[in-house]
Amino acid sequence: MDFVGKRHWFFLLSGILIIAGIISILIPPGFRFGIEFTGGTVLSLTFEESVDQESLSTLMSSLGHKEAVIQKLGDESFLIRTKTLQEPILENEPSEREKIQEAINSEIGPVILEGAAVSPIVAQETVRNAIIAILFASFAILFYISWAFRLVPNSFRMGTTAIIAAIHDVLIVVGLFSILGKVVDIEINAMFITGVLTVVGYSVHDTIVVFDRIRENTGRRISRDIVTTVNVSIMETIGRSLTTSITTLIVISAIFLLGGNTLNSLLVTLVIGIITGTYSSIFVASQLLVVWEQKQIFGNRGTTIEN
């Protein structure tokens, strides 16, 4: 198959996904943020007996807290993160926290409930640190690939296209999360940040697999044409890339089915990121390398490789 010759279709698909995500972000609200970003209340619950998490989730929804994230710490203890609970307006009126505790005592069982406010400052620091980590990782990746592939002509281009492919994956993940936030109310929270950092690493790893085969085939001189060399390298690595991605997705799917909803943002991020990471390593990074060598996006004009 001539993957390189169809690169304009791959670029078009990527462009559509990225533009759709950007449009969604520009339409308020751009994202549905979790309480780590907006602030809220954390409730610590301790029961006398074992309690089913699903019944607790159903009760919180009936009380108007569908956004509540419930984490099971043990058979009798839970941690609930929800929006800021309101204080009473009238002097003798119970607070929202007291109403929740009364409902739990009545519907589920006796509970010891403690609450604390959550500041969004923690999340802001997390986002800033994540951006710094991505920038640092990008420079490290660029240096590593340029050095590891130093025997290949223009190895700097490999490092640069690998970073561009990783940014491509992040943009698609962020854009789709904006769309999903509007469609299925999925939140952006601290677990999403963790997932994005993981996606960057996965994307670069998958790209390096393809680039390493390009390096080997360049050394073997299977062709002096960059298009042929890249196309053959993709054909030789696509099976491995797909197998790795599919087995990883199977494990993530199992965690999604068996794990709690506290991991949903992380798992959805990983699913999207693995799919886009596999796609970008084959259909974006490698194609950008050819474009850079040929100085053109469309067409099939060949370029020779010189050692």
Protein backbone atom coordinates (compact mmCIF):
# COMPACT_ATOMS: atom_id res chain seq x y z
CA MET A 1 0.00 0.00 0.00
CA ASP A 2 1.18 3.50 -0.84
CA PHE A 3 0.71 5.24 2.51
CA VAL A 4 3.00 8.13 1.63
CA GLY A 5 1.19 8.86 -1.62
CA LYS A 6 -2.09 9.27 0.30
CA ARG A 7 -0.63 11.62 2.89
CA HIS A 8 -2.91 14.53 1.93
CA TRP A 9 -5.92 12.46 3.05
CA PHE A 10 -4.26 11.79 6.41
CA PHE A 11 -3.44 15.47 6.86
CA LEU A 12 -7.02 16.36 5.92
CA LEU A 13 -8.45 13.97 8.55
CA SER A 14 -6.12 15.37 11.23
CA GLY A 15 -7.05 18.90 10.24
CA ILE A 16 -10.78 18.17 10.49
CA LEU A 17 -10.41 16.63 13.96
CA ILE A 18 -8.24 19.46 15.27
CA ILE A 19 -10.43 22.22 13.80
CA ALA A 20 -13.59 20.56 15.17
CA GLY A 21 -12.00 20.48 18.61
CA ILE A 22 -10.92 24.12 18.42
CA ILE A 23 -14.44 25.19 17.37
CA SER A 24 -15.89 23.26 20.31
CA ILE A 25 -13.43 24.93 22.69
CA LEU A 26 -14.42 28.37 21.38
CA ILE A 27 -18.12 27.66 22.00
CA PRO A 28 -18.83 28.35 25.72
CA PRO A 29 -18.45 26.46 27.88
CA GLY A 30 -15.27 25.23 26.25
CA PHE A 31 -14.74 22.48 28.83
CA ARG A 32 -16.61 20.89 31.67
CA PHE A 33 -14.14 21.27 34.52
CA GLY A 34 -14.02 19.10 37.62
CA ILE A 35 -13.87 20.53 41.12
CA GLU A 36 -10.06 20.46 41.03
CA PHE A 37 -10.36 23.40 38.63
CA THR A 38 -13.52 25.09 39.84
CA GLY A 39 -13.24 24.41 43.56
CA GLY A 40 -15.74 22.41 45.56
CA THR A 41 -16.23 20.24 48.62
CA VAL A 42 -14.66 16.95 49.63
CA LEU A 43 -16.71 14.71 51.92
CA SER A 44 -15.22 11.85 53.93
CA LEU A 45 -17.79 9.17 54.80
CA THR A 46 -17.36 6.33 57.28
CA PHE A 47 -20.14 3.78 57.71
CA GLU A 48 -20.65 1.17 60.39
CA GLU A 49 -21.22 -1.57 57.80
CA SER A 50 -20.27 -2.31 54.21
CA VAL A 51 -22.05 -0.05 51.71
CA ASP A 52 -22.59 -0.43 47.98
CA GLN A 53 -20.98 2.41 46.00
CA GLU A 54 -23.75 2.39 43.39
CA SER A 55 -26.44 3.09 45.98
CA LEU A 56 -24.41 6.02 47.28
CA SER A 57 -23.99 7.38 43.75
CA THR A 58 -27.74 7.06 43.10
CA LEU A 59 -28.55 8.93 46.31
CA MET A 60 -26.15 11.78 45.49
CA SER A 61 -27.73 12.13 42.05
CA SER A 62 -31.22 12.31 43.58
CA LEU A 63 -29.96 15.11 45.84
CA GLY A 64 -28.87 17.15 42.83
CA HIS A 65 -25.20 16.15 42.76
CA LYS A 66 -24.84 14.16 39.55
CA GLU A 67 -21.33 15.60 39.19
CA ALA A 68 -20.20 13.94 42.44
CA VAL A 69 -17.13 11.74 42.07
CA ILE A 70 -17.21 8.87 44.56
CA GLN A 71 -14.04 7.01 45.48
CA LYS A 72 -14.23 3.84 47.54
CA LEU A 73 -11.48 3.71 50.17
CA GLY A 74 -12.70 0.55 51.87
CA ASP A 75 -15.86 -1.45 52.50
CA GLU A 76 -17.08 1.15 55.01
CA SER A 77 -15.35 4.36 53.87
CA PHE A 78 -15.75 6.63 50.86
CA LEU A 79 -14.44 9.95 49.56
CA ILE A 80 -16.87 12.17 47.65
CA ARG A 81 -15.81 15.17 45.59
CA THR A 82 -18.64 17.47 44.60
CA LYS A 83 -19.45 21.10 43.86
CA THR A 84 -19.36 23.62 46.69
CA LEU A 85 -22.09 22.84 49.20
CA GLN A 86 -24.29 25.78 50.14
CA GLU A 87 -24.54 27.16 53.63
CA PRO A 88 -28.01 27.82 55.10
CA ILE A 89 -29.70 31.08 54.18
CA LEU A 90 -31.96 31.19 57.25
CA GLU A 91 -30.65 30.85 60.76
CA ASN A 92 -32.46 27.60 61.65
CA GLU A 93 -32.22 26.04 58.19
CA PRO A 94 -29.90 23.01 57.82
CA SER A 95 -26.89 23.33 55.55
CA GLU A 96 -26.64 21.32 52.33
CA ARG A 97 -24.01 19.14 53.96
CA GLU A 98 -26.38 18.37 56.85
CA LYS A 99 -29.14 17.52 54.34
CA ILE A 100 -26.80 15.05 52.60
CA GLN A 101 -25.84 13.45 55.91
CA GLU A 102 -29.48 13.16 56.94
CA ALA A 103 -30.42 11.56 53.62
CA ILE A 104 -27.55 9.06 53.86
CA ASN A 105 -28.50 8.16 57.43
CA SER A 106 -32.09 7.61 56.35
CA GLU A 107 -31.60 5.84 53.01
CA ILE A 108 -28.32 3.91 53.46
CA GLY A 109 -27.25 3.75 57.08
CA PRO A 110 -25.53 5.56 59.94
CA VAL A 111 -22.55 7.56 58.72
CA ILE A 112 -19.82 9.78 60.10
CA LEU A 113 -19.43 12.64 57.62
CA GLU A 114 -16.63 15.18 57.52
CA GLY A 115 -16.24 17.88 54.89
CA ALA A 116 -13.60 20.31 53.64
CA ALA A 117 -13.46 22.96 50.92
CA VAL A 118 -11.21 22.39 47.90
CA SER A 119 -9.37 25.31 46.32
CA PRO A 120 -8.85 25.46 42.53
CA ILE A 121 -5.30 26.80 43.13
CA VAL A 122 -3.99 23.24 43.41
CA ALA A 123 -5.28 22.43 39.94
CA GLN A 124 -3.80 25.62 38.47
CA GLU A 125 -0.41 24.61 39.82
CA THR A 126 -0.89 21.12 38.39
CA VAL A 127 -1.65 22.52 34.92
CA ARG A 128 1.37 24.83 35.05
CA ASN A 129 3.64 21.98 36.13
CA ALA A 130 2.22 19.76 33.38
CA ILE A 131 2.97 22.41 30.73
CA ILE A 132 6.51 22.78 32.06
CA ALA A 133 6.92 19.00 32.03
CA ILE A 134 5.72 18.78 28.40
CA LEU A 135 8.10 21.56 27.30
CA PHE A 136 11.03 19.96 29.11
CA ALA A 137 10.15 16.54 27.69
CA SER A 138 9.92 18.01 24.17
CA PHE A 139 13.46 19.41 24.33
CA ALA A 140 14.72 16.14 25.83
CA ILE A 141 12.99 14.11 23.09
CA LEU A 142 14.38 16.38 20.38
CA PHE A 143 17.91 16.00 21.75
CA TYR A 144 17.61 12.24 22.25
CA ILE A 145 16.21 11.45 18.80
CA SER A 146 18.71 13.77 17.10
CA TRP A 147 21.55 11.97 18.89
CA ALA A 148 20.17 8.41 18.61
CA PHE A 149 19.55 8.83 14.87
CA ARG A 150 22.69 10.87 14.22
CA LEU A 151 23.83 8.48 11.47
CA VAL A 152 20.69 9.30 9.50
CA PRO A 153 20.79 12.47 7.36
CA ASN A 154 18.85 15.34 8.95
CA SER A 155 18.19 13.49 12.21
CA PHE A 156 17.03 16.80 13.70
CA ARG A 157 14.00 16.58 11.42
CA MET A 158 13.02 13.26 12.97
CA GLY A 159 13.04 14.73 16.45
CA THR A 160 11.03 17.75 15.34
CA THR A 161 8.37 15.73 13.51
CA ALA A 162 8.05 13.39 16.51
CA ILE A 163 7.28 16.39 18.72
CA ILE A 164 4.81 17.78 16.17
CA ALA A 165 3.05 14.40 16.10
CA ALA A 166 2.83 14.40 19.91
CA ILE A 167 1.35 17.93 19.88
CA HIS A 168 -1.08 16.73 17.19
CA ASP A 169 -2.25 13.97 19.56
CA VAL A 170 -2.63 16.35 22.50
CA LEU A 171 -4.70 18.78 20.41
CA ILE A 172 -7.04 16.00 19.30
CA VAL A 173 -7.42 14.66 22.86
CA VAL A 174 -8.15 18.13 24.27
CA GLY A 175 -10.57 18.93 21.43
CA LEU A 176 -12.48 15.67 21.78
CA PHE A 177 -12.74 16.20 25.54
CA SER A 178 -14.34 19.56 24.85
CA ILE A 179 -16.86 17.86 22.54
CA LEU A 180 -17.48 15.00 24.97
CA GLY A 181 -18.00 17.50 27.79
CA LYS A 182 -20.91 18.96 25.85
CA VAL A 183 -22.33 15.60 24.75
CA VAL A 184 -21.84 13.21 27.69
CA ASP A 185 -20.76 15.59 30.50
CA ILE A 186 -17.25 14.18 30.82
CA GLU A 187 -15.04 16.32 33.02
CA ILE A 188 -11.50 17.61 32.76
CA ASN A 189 -9.78 16.95 36.08
CA ALA A 190 -6.40 16.03 37.52
CA MET A 191 -6.64 12.51 36.07
CA PHE A 192 -7.03 14.07 32.61
CA ILE A 193 -3.71 15.90 33.07
CA THR A 194 -2.08 12.60 34.01
CA GLY A 195 -3.56 10.99 30.90
CA VAL A 196 -2.29 13.76 28.60
CA LEU A 197 1.26 13.36 29.90
CA THR A 198 0.99 9.61 29.33
CA VAL A 199 -0.28 10.17 25.79
CA VAL A 200 2.77 12.30 24.96
CA GLY A 201 5.09 9.51 26.07
CA TYR A 202 3.12 6.83 24.21
CA SER A 203 2.98 8.89 21.02
CA VAL A 204 6.72 9.51 20.95
CA HIS A 205 7.47 5.86 21.74
CA ASP A 206 5.33 4.66 18.84
CA THR A 207 6.89 7.21 16.50
CA ILE A 208 10.40 6.13 17.44
CA VAL A 209 9.52 2.54 16.47
CA VAL A 210 8.72 3.69 12.92
CA PHE A 211 11.69 6.06 12.74
CA ASP A 212 14.04 3.32 13.93
CA ARG A 213 12.96 1.14 11.03
CA ILE A 214 13.47 4.09 8.66
CA ARG A 215 16.98 4.42 10.09
CA GLU A 216 17.68 0.71 9.55
CA ASN A 217 16.34 0.74 6.00
CA THR A 218 18.34 3.87 5.22
CA GLY A 219 21.49 2.06 6.36
CA ARG A 220 20.57 -0.99 4.30
CA ARG A 221 20.04 1.27 1.26
CA ILE A 222 16.82 -0.47 0.21
CA SER A 223 16.18 2.61 -1.92
CA ARG A 224 17.61 6.05 -2.53
CA ASP A 225 14.08 7.38 -2.68
CA ILE A 226 12.80 8.72 0.69
CA VAL A 227 9.20 7.90 -0.29
CA THR A 228 10.01 4.24 -0.90
CA THR A 229 12.12 3.97 2.25
CA VAL A 230 9.43 5.47 4.48
CA ASN A 231 6.64 3.46 2.86
CA VAL A 232 8.50 0.18 3.29
CA SER A 233 9.32 1.08 6.90
CA ILE A 234 5.66 1.76 7.66
CA MET A 235 4.63 -1.57 6.12
CA GLU A 236 7.21 -3.40 8.25
CA THR A 237 6.16 -1.77 11.54
CA ILE A 238 2.40 -1.28 11.18
CA GLY A 239 1.63 -4.80 12.42
CA ARG A 240 3.68 -4.32 15.57
CA SER A 241 2.15 -0.89 16.23
CA LEU A 242 -1.42 -2.14 15.83
CA THR A 243 -0.80 -5.23 17.98
CA THR A 244 0.69 -3.14 20.80
CA SER A 245 -2.14 -0.62 20.64
CA ILE A 246 -4.93 -3.22 20.54
CA THR A 247 -3.56 -5.19 23.51
CA THR A 248 -3.16 -1.96 25.48
CA LEU A 249 -6.73 -0.94 24.66
CA ILE A 250 -7.99 -4.34 25.85
CA VAL A 251 -6.36 -3.79 29.25
CA ILE A 252 -7.72 -0.25 29.51
CA SER A 253 -11.21 -1.49 28.57
CA ALA A 254 -11.03 -4.09 31.34
CA ILE A 255 -10.05 -1.41 33.87
CA PHE A 256 -12.87 0.82 32.59
CA LEU A 257 -15.44 -1.96 33.11
CA LEU A 258 -14.15 -3.11 36.50
CA GLY A 259 -12.79 0.13 37.96
CA GLY A 260 -14.63 3.00 39.57
CA ASN A 261 -15.80 6.17 37.86
CA THR A 262 -12.92 8.12 39.43
CA LEU A 263 -10.68 6.75 36.66
CA ASN A 264 -13.02 7.55 33.77
CA SER A 265 -11.27 10.74 32.67
CA LEU A 266 -7.88 9.02 32.72
CA LEU A 267 -9.10 5.96 30.83
CA VAL A 268 -10.97 7.94 28.16
CA THR A 269 -7.88 10.10 27.68
CA LEU A 270 -5.71 7.01 27.25
CA VAL A 271 -8.11 5.39 24.78
CA ILE A 272 -8.21 8.49 22.59
CA GLY A 273 -4.47 9.06 23.00
CA ILE A 274 -3.46 5.52 22.10
CA ILE A 275 -5.59 5.57 18.96
CA THR A 276 -4.30 8.99 17.88
CA GLY A 277 -0.74 8.09 18.91
CA THR A 278 -0.76 5.00 16.72
CA TYR A 279 -2.33 6.97 13.88
CA SER A 280 0.10 9.89 14.13
CA SER A 281 3.23 7.75 14.24
CA ILE A 282 2.26 6.08 10.96
CA PHE A 283 0.23 8.70 9.12
CA VAL A 284 1.50 12.02 10.49
CA ALA A 285 5.09 11.91 11.79
CA SER A 286 6.44 9.76 8.97
CA GLN A 287 4.53 11.74 6.36
CA LEU A 288 5.78 15.05 7.77
CA LEU A 289 9.31 13.70 7.48
CA VAL A 290 8.73 13.04 3.78
CA VAL A 291 7.14 16.48 3.33
CA TRP A 292 10.14 18.15 4.97
CA GLU A 293 12.55 16.22 2.77
CA GLN A 294 10.56 16.94 -0.38
CA LYS A 295 9.48 20.46 0.60
CA GLN A 296 5.93 19.68 -0.52
CA ILE A 297 2.69 18.33 0.96
CA PHE A 298 1.06 16.98 -2.19
CA GLY A 299 2.48 15.05 -5.10
CA ASN A 300 4.77 12.05 -5.41
CA ARG A 301 8.05 13.59 -6.50
CA GLY A 302 10.88 11.45 -5.18
CA THR A 303 13.80 12.56 -3.08
CA THR A 304 17.01 10.63 -2.77
CA ILE A 305 18.76 9.86 0.49
CA GLU A 306 22.39 10.69 0.77
CA ASN A 307 24.72 9.27 3.40
